[in-house]
N, C-alpha and C. Protein backbone atom coordinates (compact mmCIF):
# COMPACT_ATOMS: atom_id res chain seq x y z
N MET A 1 1.33 19.36 0.63
CA MET A 1 1.13 20.47 -0.28
C MET A 1 2.38 21.35 -0.26
N LEU A 2 2.84 21.73 -1.41
CA LEU A 2 4.01 22.58 -1.55
C LEU A 2 3.59 24.05 -1.51
N GLU A 3 4.18 24.80 -0.61
CA GLU A 3 3.89 26.23 -0.55
C GLU A 3 5.07 26.99 -1.13
N LEU A 4 4.78 27.92 -2.01
CA LEU A 4 5.81 28.74 -2.62
C LEU A 4 5.86 30.08 -1.89
N PHE A 5 7.05 30.56 -1.67
CA PHE A 5 7.23 31.85 -1.03
C PHE A 5 7.76 32.83 -2.05
N TYR A 6 7.06 33.91 -2.21
CA TYR A 6 7.50 34.98 -3.10
C TYR A 6 7.81 36.19 -2.23
N PRO A 7 9.05 36.66 -2.24
CA PRO A 7 9.38 37.82 -1.41
C PRO A 7 8.55 39.03 -1.82
N GLN A 8 8.09 39.78 -0.81
CA GLN A 8 7.30 40.97 -1.09
C GLN A 8 8.18 42.02 -1.76
N GLU A 9 7.67 42.59 -2.82
CA GLU A 9 8.41 43.60 -3.56
C GLU A 9 8.51 44.87 -2.72
N THR A 10 9.70 45.42 -2.63
CA THR A 10 9.91 46.65 -1.88
C THR A 10 9.42 47.83 -2.70
N MET A 11 8.68 48.69 -2.04
CA MET A 11 8.15 49.88 -2.69
C MET A 11 8.79 51.09 -2.02
N LYS A 12 9.17 52.07 -2.79
CA LYS A 12 9.73 53.29 -2.23
C LYS A 12 8.79 54.45 -2.50
N LYS A 13 8.65 55.31 -1.51
CA LYS A 13 7.82 56.50 -1.63
C LYS A 13 8.63 57.71 -1.20
N GLN A 14 8.46 58.80 -1.88
CA GLN A 14 9.17 60.03 -1.51
C GLN A 14 8.43 60.72 -0.38
N PHE A 15 9.21 61.36 0.49
CA PHE A 15 8.61 62.14 1.56
C PHE A 15 9.43 63.39 1.79
N THR A 16 8.81 64.38 2.41
CA THR A 16 9.44 65.64 2.75
C THR A 16 9.46 65.75 4.26
N TYR A 17 10.60 66.18 4.81
CA TYR A 17 10.67 66.31 6.26
C TYR A 17 11.57 67.45 6.66
N TRP A 18 11.45 67.87 7.92
CA TRP A 18 12.30 68.90 8.50
C TRP A 18 12.35 68.68 10.01
N LYS A 19 13.36 69.27 10.61
CA LYS A 19 13.53 69.17 12.05
C LYS A 19 13.11 70.49 12.68
N GLU A 20 12.22 70.43 13.64
CA GLU A 20 11.72 71.61 14.34
C GLU A 20 12.70 72.06 15.41
N SER A 21 12.50 73.24 15.94
CA SER A 21 13.40 73.78 16.97
C SER A 21 13.36 72.97 18.27
N ASP A 22 12.27 72.22 18.49
CA ASP A 22 12.18 71.39 19.69
C ASP A 22 12.83 70.02 19.50
N GLY A 23 13.42 69.80 18.31
CA GLY A 23 14.13 68.56 18.04
C GLY A 23 13.29 67.47 17.38
N LYS A 24 11.97 67.68 17.27
CA LYS A 24 11.10 66.69 16.64
C LYS A 24 11.17 66.83 15.12
N PHE A 25 10.92 65.72 14.45
CA PHE A 25 10.91 65.68 12.99
C PHE A 25 9.46 65.68 12.52
N LEU A 26 9.15 66.56 11.58
CA LEU A 26 7.84 66.63 10.96
C LEU A 26 7.99 66.27 9.49
N GLY A 27 6.94 65.69 8.92
CA GLY A 27 7.02 65.35 7.50
C GLY A 27 5.72 64.82 6.96
N TYR A 28 5.72 64.59 5.66
CA TYR A 28 4.56 64.04 4.98
C TYR A 28 5.01 63.26 3.76
N LEU A 29 4.18 62.31 3.33
CA LEU A 29 4.41 61.60 2.08
C LEU A 29 4.08 62.57 0.95
N ASN A 30 4.94 62.65 -0.05
CA ASN A 30 4.73 63.62 -1.12
C ASN A 30 3.42 63.41 -1.87
N GLU A 31 2.93 62.18 -1.91
CA GLU A 31 1.67 61.95 -2.61
C GLU A 31 0.45 62.29 -1.74
N TYR A 32 0.66 62.55 -0.46
CA TYR A 32 -0.41 62.97 0.45
C TYR A 32 0.06 64.21 1.22
N PRO A 33 0.26 65.34 0.56
CA PRO A 33 0.89 66.49 1.21
C PRO A 33 0.05 67.17 2.29
N ASP A 34 -1.22 66.88 2.37
CA ASP A 34 -2.07 67.50 3.38
C ASP A 34 -1.97 66.81 4.75
N HIS A 35 -1.30 65.69 4.81
CA HIS A 35 -1.34 64.87 6.02
C HIS A 35 0.05 64.72 6.62
N TRP A 36 0.35 65.59 7.54
CA TRP A 36 1.65 65.60 8.20
C TRP A 36 1.63 64.67 9.40
N THR A 37 2.82 64.21 9.77
CA THR A 37 3.00 63.45 11.00
C THR A 37 4.33 63.85 11.61
N GLN A 38 4.62 63.35 12.81
CA GLN A 38 5.86 63.72 13.46
C GLN A 38 6.48 62.52 14.15
N GLY A 39 7.77 62.66 14.47
CA GLY A 39 8.48 61.62 15.18
C GLY A 39 9.55 62.22 16.07
N GLU A 40 9.93 61.46 17.08
CA GLU A 40 10.99 61.90 17.99
C GLU A 40 12.36 61.85 17.30
N SER A 41 12.47 60.99 16.28
CA SER A 41 13.70 60.85 15.50
C SER A 41 13.30 60.67 14.04
N LEU A 42 14.27 60.71 13.14
CA LEU A 42 13.97 60.50 11.72
C LEU A 42 13.41 59.10 11.50
N GLU A 43 13.96 58.11 12.18
CA GLU A 43 13.45 56.73 12.04
C GLU A 43 12.02 56.62 12.56
N ASP A 44 11.73 57.30 13.67
CA ASP A 44 10.37 57.30 14.21
C ASP A 44 9.40 57.95 13.23
N LEU A 45 9.82 59.06 12.62
CA LEU A 45 9.00 59.72 11.61
C LEU A 45 8.73 58.78 10.44
N LYS A 46 9.76 58.08 9.97
CA LYS A 46 9.58 57.15 8.85
C LYS A 46 8.57 56.07 9.20
N GLU A 47 8.59 55.58 10.42
CA GLU A 47 7.63 54.55 10.84
C GLU A 47 6.21 55.10 10.81
N HIS A 48 6.02 56.33 11.26
CA HIS A 48 4.70 56.95 11.20
C HIS A 48 4.26 57.17 9.75
N LEU A 49 5.19 57.53 8.89
CA LEU A 49 4.86 57.71 7.47
C LEU A 49 4.48 56.37 6.83
N ARG A 50 5.14 55.29 7.21
CA ARG A 50 4.76 53.96 6.71
C ARG A 50 3.33 53.61 7.15
N ASP A 51 3.02 53.93 8.41
CA ASP A 51 1.66 53.68 8.90
C ASP A 51 0.63 54.47 8.11
N LEU A 52 0.92 55.75 7.84
CA LEU A 52 0.00 56.57 7.04
C LEU A 52 -0.20 55.97 5.65
N HIS A 53 0.90 55.56 5.02
CA HIS A 53 0.80 54.99 3.68
C HIS A 53 -0.06 53.72 3.69
N GLU A 54 0.15 52.88 4.68
CA GLU A 54 -0.64 51.65 4.78
C GLU A 54 -2.12 51.97 4.95
N GLU A 55 -2.42 52.92 5.82
CA GLU A 55 -3.81 53.30 6.07
C GLU A 55 -4.45 53.92 4.83
N PHE A 56 -3.78 54.86 4.21
CA PHE A 56 -4.36 55.55 3.06
C PHE A 56 -4.47 54.65 1.83
N SER A 57 -3.54 53.74 1.62
CA SER A 57 -3.57 52.91 0.42
C SER A 57 -4.45 51.67 0.59
N SER A 58 -4.80 51.31 1.81
CA SER A 58 -5.62 50.11 2.01
C SER A 58 -7.10 50.43 2.14
N ASN A 59 -7.46 51.69 2.33
CA ASN A 59 -8.86 52.07 2.52
C ASN A 59 -9.23 53.23 1.61
N GLU A 60 -10.48 53.24 1.19
CA GLU A 60 -11.00 54.38 0.46
C GLU A 60 -11.53 55.35 1.50
N ILE A 61 -10.74 56.35 1.82
CA ILE A 61 -11.11 57.31 2.84
C ILE A 61 -11.59 58.59 2.15
N PRO A 62 -12.85 58.97 2.36
CA PRO A 62 -13.35 60.19 1.71
C PRO A 62 -12.55 61.41 2.12
N GLY A 63 -12.30 62.30 1.17
CA GLY A 63 -11.66 63.57 1.46
C GLY A 63 -10.14 63.54 1.47
N ILE A 64 -9.53 62.38 1.24
CA ILE A 64 -8.07 62.30 1.20
C ILE A 64 -7.62 62.76 -0.18
N ARG A 65 -6.90 63.88 -0.23
CA ARG A 65 -6.38 64.36 -1.52
C ARG A 65 -5.03 63.71 -1.77
N LYS A 66 -4.80 63.32 -3.02
CA LYS A 66 -3.59 62.62 -3.40
C LYS A 66 -2.98 63.29 -4.62
N VAL A 67 -1.66 63.35 -4.69
CA VAL A 67 -0.94 63.90 -5.84
C VAL A 67 -0.47 62.75 -6.71
N GLU A 68 -0.70 62.81 -7.99
CA GLU A 68 -0.27 61.80 -8.96
C GLU A 68 0.41 62.48 -10.14
N GLU A 69 0.96 61.70 -11.05
CA GLU A 69 1.55 62.21 -12.29
C GLU A 69 0.84 61.59 -13.48
N ILE A 70 0.78 62.35 -14.58
CA ILE A 70 0.27 61.82 -15.85
C ILE A 70 1.24 62.23 -16.94
N GLU A 71 1.21 61.48 -18.04
CA GLU A 71 2.00 61.86 -19.21
C GLU A 71 1.13 62.74 -20.09
N VAL A 72 1.70 63.81 -20.59
CA VAL A 72 0.91 64.74 -21.39
C VAL A 72 1.51 65.01 -22.78
N GLY A 73 2.45 64.22 -23.17
CA GLY A 73 3.02 64.51 -24.47
C GLY A 73 3.71 63.35 -25.09
């Protein structure tokens, strides 16, 4: 049997972050602004944000507020 491999399409998500006085990075995915996470480094923060995105987009979790865009004109 021939198996075809299709590379997974890369998805990009915007996030907001800042560095605290203790050196840790805090941030959130812009589409889920109520749910902050932190990391010891910027790369660590990004990994935690990827985990949040996977969790929030793979499950219907009650009470998760999400920001979206619509066209109005």
